[in-house]
Amino acid sequence: MKSKLTLAACLFAALNVCTFAARAEASSFAGLASAPDIQHVLSSSQEPSATCGLVTTHITYLDAKGQTRMLDYLKPADNCHNQNG
């Protein structure tokens, strides 16, 4: 019985993390009518992470008009490759 309760608590926590990430991503693009106009990425960096999960990534890029823009978004950490689930 304890294992079912623990499993349910873990599932609930995972769903909350996914919901938070989806809300953060939606709010990042809330002011945009469409996807950002990225013509050339000038730089990209992400927060370090010791575990597999979502991290904030920052990119600086040029749009079609040659203007420099910046964007922060969430993506899976680089160490998440070849992970199941």
N, C-alpha and C. Protein backbone atom coordinates (compact mmCIF):
# COMPACT_ATOMS: atom_id res chain seq x y z
N MET A 1 0.82 -1.19 0.00
CA MET A 1 0.00 0.00 0.00
C MET A 1 0.86 1.25 0.00
N LYS A 2 1.99 1.21 0.79
CA LYS A 2 2.87 2.36 0.84
C LYS A 2 3.46 2.67 -0.53
N SER A 3 3.79 1.62 -1.29
CA SER A 3 4.41 1.84 -2.59
C SER A 3 3.42 2.50 -3.56
N LYS A 4 2.14 2.18 -3.46
CA LYS A 4 1.14 2.82 -4.32
C LYS A 4 1.01 4.29 -3.96
N LEU A 5 1.04 4.61 -2.68
CA LEU A 5 0.95 5.99 -2.23
C LEU A 5 2.18 6.78 -2.68
N THR A 6 3.34 6.17 -2.55
CA THR A 6 4.58 6.82 -2.99
C THR A 6 4.56 7.04 -4.49
N LEU A 7 4.12 6.05 -5.24
CA LEU A 7 4.04 6.17 -6.69
C LEU A 7 3.07 7.29 -7.08
N ALA A 8 1.93 7.36 -6.43
CA ALA A 8 0.96 8.41 -6.72
C ALA A 8 1.53 9.79 -6.41
N ALA A 9 2.26 9.92 -5.31
CA ALA A 9 2.88 11.21 -4.95
C ALA A 9 3.93 11.61 -5.98
N CYS A 10 4.73 10.66 -6.44
CA CYS A 10 5.75 10.94 -7.46
C CYS A 10 5.10 11.36 -8.78
N LEU A 11 4.04 10.68 -9.16
CA LEU A 11 3.33 11.03 -10.39
C LEU A 11 2.74 12.42 -10.29
N PHE A 12 2.14 12.76 -9.16
CA PHE A 12 1.58 14.08 -8.95
C PHE A 12 2.68 15.15 -9.05
N ALA A 13 3.83 14.90 -8.44
CA ALA A 13 4.95 15.85 -8.48
C ALA A 13 5.44 16.03 -9.92
N ALA A 14 5.55 14.93 -10.66
CA ALA A 14 6.01 15.01 -12.05
C ALA A 14 5.03 15.81 -12.91
N LEU A 15 3.75 15.60 -12.70
CA LEU A 15 2.75 16.35 -13.46
C LEU A 15 2.82 17.85 -13.14
N ASN A 16 3.08 18.18 -11.88
CA ASN A 16 3.21 19.59 -11.51
C ASN A 16 4.42 20.23 -12.20
N VAL A 17 5.53 19.51 -12.29
CA VAL A 17 6.72 20.03 -12.96
C VAL A 17 6.42 20.25 -14.44
N CYS A 18 5.77 19.29 -15.08
CA CYS A 18 5.43 19.43 -16.50
C CYS A 18 4.48 20.60 -16.73
N THR A 19 3.51 20.78 -15.85
CA THR A 19 2.57 21.89 -15.98
C THR A 19 3.29 23.22 -15.83
N PHE A 20 4.20 23.31 -14.85
CA PHE A 20 4.98 24.53 -14.65
C PHE A 20 5.80 24.85 -15.89
N ALA A 21 6.46 23.84 -16.46
CA ALA A 21 7.29 24.05 -17.65
C ALA A 21 6.44 24.51 -18.84
N ALA A 22 5.28 23.91 -19.02
CA ALA A 22 4.40 24.30 -20.13
C ALA A 22 3.91 25.74 -19.96
N ARG A 23 3.57 26.12 -18.73
CA ARG A 23 3.14 27.49 -18.48
C ARG A 23 4.26 28.48 -18.73
N ALA A 24 5.48 28.14 -18.31
CA ALA A 24 6.63 29.02 -18.51
C ALA A 24 6.90 29.21 -20.00
N GLU A 25 6.82 28.11 -20.76
CA GLU A 25 7.06 28.20 -22.20
C GLU A 25 5.96 29.02 -22.86
N ALA A 26 4.72 28.80 -22.49
CA ALA A 26 3.61 29.55 -23.08
C ALA A 26 3.72 31.03 -22.77
N SER A 27 4.14 31.37 -21.54
CA SER A 27 4.26 32.79 -21.20
C SER A 27 5.43 33.42 -21.93
N SER A 28 6.46 32.64 -22.27
CA SER A 28 7.60 33.18 -23.01
C SER A 28 7.19 33.64 -24.40
N PHE A 29 6.24 32.93 -25.00
CA PHE A 29 5.82 33.25 -26.36
C PHE A 29 4.46 33.94 -26.40
N ALA A 30 3.92 34.34 -25.24
CA ALA A 30 2.58 34.91 -25.17
C ALA A 30 2.45 36.17 -26.01
N GLY A 31 3.50 36.99 -26.08
CA GLY A 31 3.43 38.24 -26.83
C GLY A 31 3.73 38.08 -28.31
N LEU A 32 4.05 36.87 -28.73
CA LEU A 32 4.41 36.64 -30.12
C LEU A 32 3.24 36.09 -30.91
N ALA A 33 3.06 36.61 -32.13
CA ALA A 33 2.00 36.11 -32.99
C ALA A 33 2.39 34.77 -33.59
N SER A 34 3.70 34.54 -33.75
CA SER A 34 4.19 33.28 -34.31
C SER A 34 5.56 33.00 -33.71
N ALA A 35 6.21 31.97 -34.21
CA ALA A 35 7.53 31.61 -33.71
C ALA A 35 8.52 32.73 -33.99
N PRO A 36 9.57 32.85 -33.18
CA PRO A 36 10.56 33.91 -33.41
C PRO A 36 11.23 33.76 -34.77
N ASP A 37 11.58 34.87 -35.37
CA ASP A 37 12.22 34.91 -36.69
C ASP A 37 13.73 34.81 -36.51
N ILE A 38 14.23 33.60 -36.35
CA ILE A 38 15.65 33.39 -36.12
C ILE A 38 16.33 33.07 -37.44
N GLN A 39 17.19 33.99 -37.87
CA GLN A 39 17.93 33.78 -39.12
C GLN A 39 19.33 33.24 -38.87
N HIS A 40 19.95 33.72 -37.77
CA HIS A 40 21.31 33.28 -37.46
C HIS A 40 21.53 33.37 -35.95
N VAL A 41 21.92 32.27 -35.34
CA VAL A 41 22.20 32.26 -33.90
C VAL A 41 23.62 32.75 -33.67
N LEU A 42 23.75 33.80 -32.84
CA LEU A 42 25.05 34.36 -32.52
C LEU A 42 25.70 33.65 -31.33
N SER A 43 24.90 33.33 -30.32
CA SER A 43 25.41 32.60 -29.16
C SER A 43 24.28 31.85 -28.48
N SER A 44 24.67 30.82 -27.75
CA SER A 44 23.69 30.01 -27.01
C SER A 44 24.36 29.49 -25.74
N SER A 45 23.64 29.56 -24.63
CA SER A 45 24.16 29.02 -23.38
C SER A 45 23.00 28.49 -22.56
N GLN A 46 23.30 27.54 -21.69
CA GLN A 46 22.26 27.00 -20.83
C GLN A 46 22.78 26.85 -19.42
N GLU A 47 21.85 26.83 -18.46
CA GLU A 47 22.22 26.63 -17.07
C GLU A 47 22.82 25.24 -16.90
N PRO A 48 23.85 25.11 -16.08
CA PRO A 48 24.40 23.77 -15.83
C PRO A 48 23.41 22.94 -15.03
N SER A 49 23.40 21.64 -15.29
CA SER A 49 22.50 20.74 -14.57
C SER A 49 23.19 19.40 -14.36
N ALA A 50 23.16 18.93 -13.13
CA ALA A 50 23.77 17.64 -12.80
C ALA A 50 22.83 16.48 -13.10
N THR A 51 21.54 16.80 -13.28
CA THR A 51 20.56 15.74 -13.54
C THR A 51 19.81 16.04 -14.82
N CYS A 52 19.13 15.03 -15.32
CA CYS A 52 18.29 15.20 -16.50
C CYS A 52 17.03 15.97 -16.09
N GLY A 53 16.71 17.01 -16.82
CA GLY A 53 15.54 17.83 -16.52
C GLY A 53 15.52 19.05 -17.42
N LEU A 54 14.58 19.94 -17.18
CA LEU A 54 14.50 21.15 -17.97
C LEU A 54 15.44 22.22 -17.42
N VAL A 55 16.12 22.91 -18.34
CA VAL A 55 17.01 24.01 -17.97
C VAL A 55 16.68 25.22 -18.83
N THR A 56 16.99 26.40 -18.31
CA THR A 56 16.79 27.62 -19.08
C THR A 56 17.95 27.78 -20.05
N THR A 57 17.62 28.01 -21.31
CA THR A 57 18.62 28.24 -22.34
C THR A 57 18.45 29.65 -22.86
N HIS A 58 19.56 30.34 -23.06
CA HIS A 58 19.55 31.72 -23.55
C HIS A 58 20.22 31.75 -24.91
N ILE A 59 19.55 32.33 -25.90
CA ILE A 59 20.18 32.51 -27.20
C ILE A 59 20.13 33.98 -27.60
N THR A 60 21.17 34.39 -28.30
CA THR A 60 21.23 35.71 -28.94
C THR A 60 21.27 35.42 -30.43
N TYR A 61 20.40 36.09 -31.19
CA TYR A 61 20.29 35.77 -32.61
C TYR A 61 20.00 37.02 -33.43
N LEU A 62 20.14 36.87 -34.75
CA LEU A 62 19.76 37.92 -35.69
C LEU A 62 18.45 37.54 -36.34
N ASP A 63 17.54 38.51 -36.46
CA ASP A 63 16.29 38.25 -37.17
C ASP A 63 16.46 38.60 -38.65
N ALA A 64 15.41 38.49 -39.43
CA ALA A 64 15.48 38.72 -40.88
C ALA A 64 15.87 40.15 -41.22
N LYS A 65 15.63 41.10 -40.31
CA LYS A 65 16.00 42.50 -40.54
C LYS A 65 17.42 42.80 -40.07
N GLY A 66 18.13 41.80 -39.55
CA GLY A 66 19.49 41.98 -39.08
C GLY A 66 19.57 42.55 -37.68
N GLN A 67 18.44 42.60 -36.98
CA GLN A 67 18.44 43.11 -35.60
C GLN A 67 18.81 41.99 -34.63
N THR A 68 19.61 42.35 -33.63
CA THR A 68 20.00 41.39 -32.60
C THR A 68 18.87 41.24 -31.60
N ARG A 69 18.50 40.01 -31.34
CA ARG A 69 17.42 39.68 -30.39
C ARG A 69 17.94 38.67 -29.38
N MET A 70 17.26 38.59 -28.25
CA MET A 70 17.60 37.60 -27.22
C MET A 70 16.34 36.84 -26.83
N LEU A 71 16.51 35.58 -26.48
CA LEU A 71 15.38 34.73 -26.12
C LEU A 71 15.82 33.73 -25.07
N ASP A 72 15.01 33.57 -24.02
CA ASP A 72 15.21 32.52 -23.02
C ASP A 72 14.09 31.51 -23.17
N TYR A 73 14.41 30.24 -23.10
CA TYR A 73 13.38 29.19 -23.19
C TYR A 73 13.84 27.97 -22.41
N LEU A 74 12.93 27.07 -22.16
CA LEU A 74 13.23 25.83 -21.45
C LEU A 74 13.46 24.70 -22.44
N LYS A 75 14.45 23.87 -22.13
CA LYS A 75 14.72 22.69 -22.96
C LYS A 75 15.31 21.61 -22.07
N PRO A 76 15.29 20.36 -22.53
CA PRO A 76 15.91 19.30 -21.73
C PRO A 76 17.42 19.54 -21.62
N ALA A 77 18.00 19.26 -20.46
CA ALA A 77 19.43 19.41 -20.26
C ALA A 77 20.19 18.51 -21.23
N ASP A 78 21.41 18.91 -21.55
CA ASP A 78 22.22 18.13 -22.49
C ASP A 78 22.48 16.71 -22.01
N ASN A 79 22.49 16.50 -20.69
CA ASN A 79 22.76 15.16 -20.18
C ASN A 79 21.53 14.27 -20.18
N CYS A 80 20.45 14.68 -20.85
CA CYS A 80 19.23 13.87 -20.93
C CYS A 80 19.23 12.92 -22.11
N HIS A 81 20.25 12.97 -22.96
CA HIS A 81 20.29 12.09 -24.13
C HIS A 81 20.31 10.63 -23.69
N ASN A 82 19.64 9.82 -24.44
CA ASN A 82 19.55 8.38 -24.21
C ASN A 82 18.92 8.01 -22.88
N GLN A 83 18.05 8.87 -22.38
CA GLN A 83 17.33 8.59 -21.13
C GLN A 83 15.92 8.13 -21.49
N ASN A 84 15.43 7.13 -20.83
CA ASN A 84 14.06 6.67 -21.06
C ASN A 84 13.16 7.30 -20.01
N GLY A 85 12.05 7.93 -20.52
CA GLY A 85 11.06 8.44 -19.62
C GLY A 85 11.39 9.75 -19.05
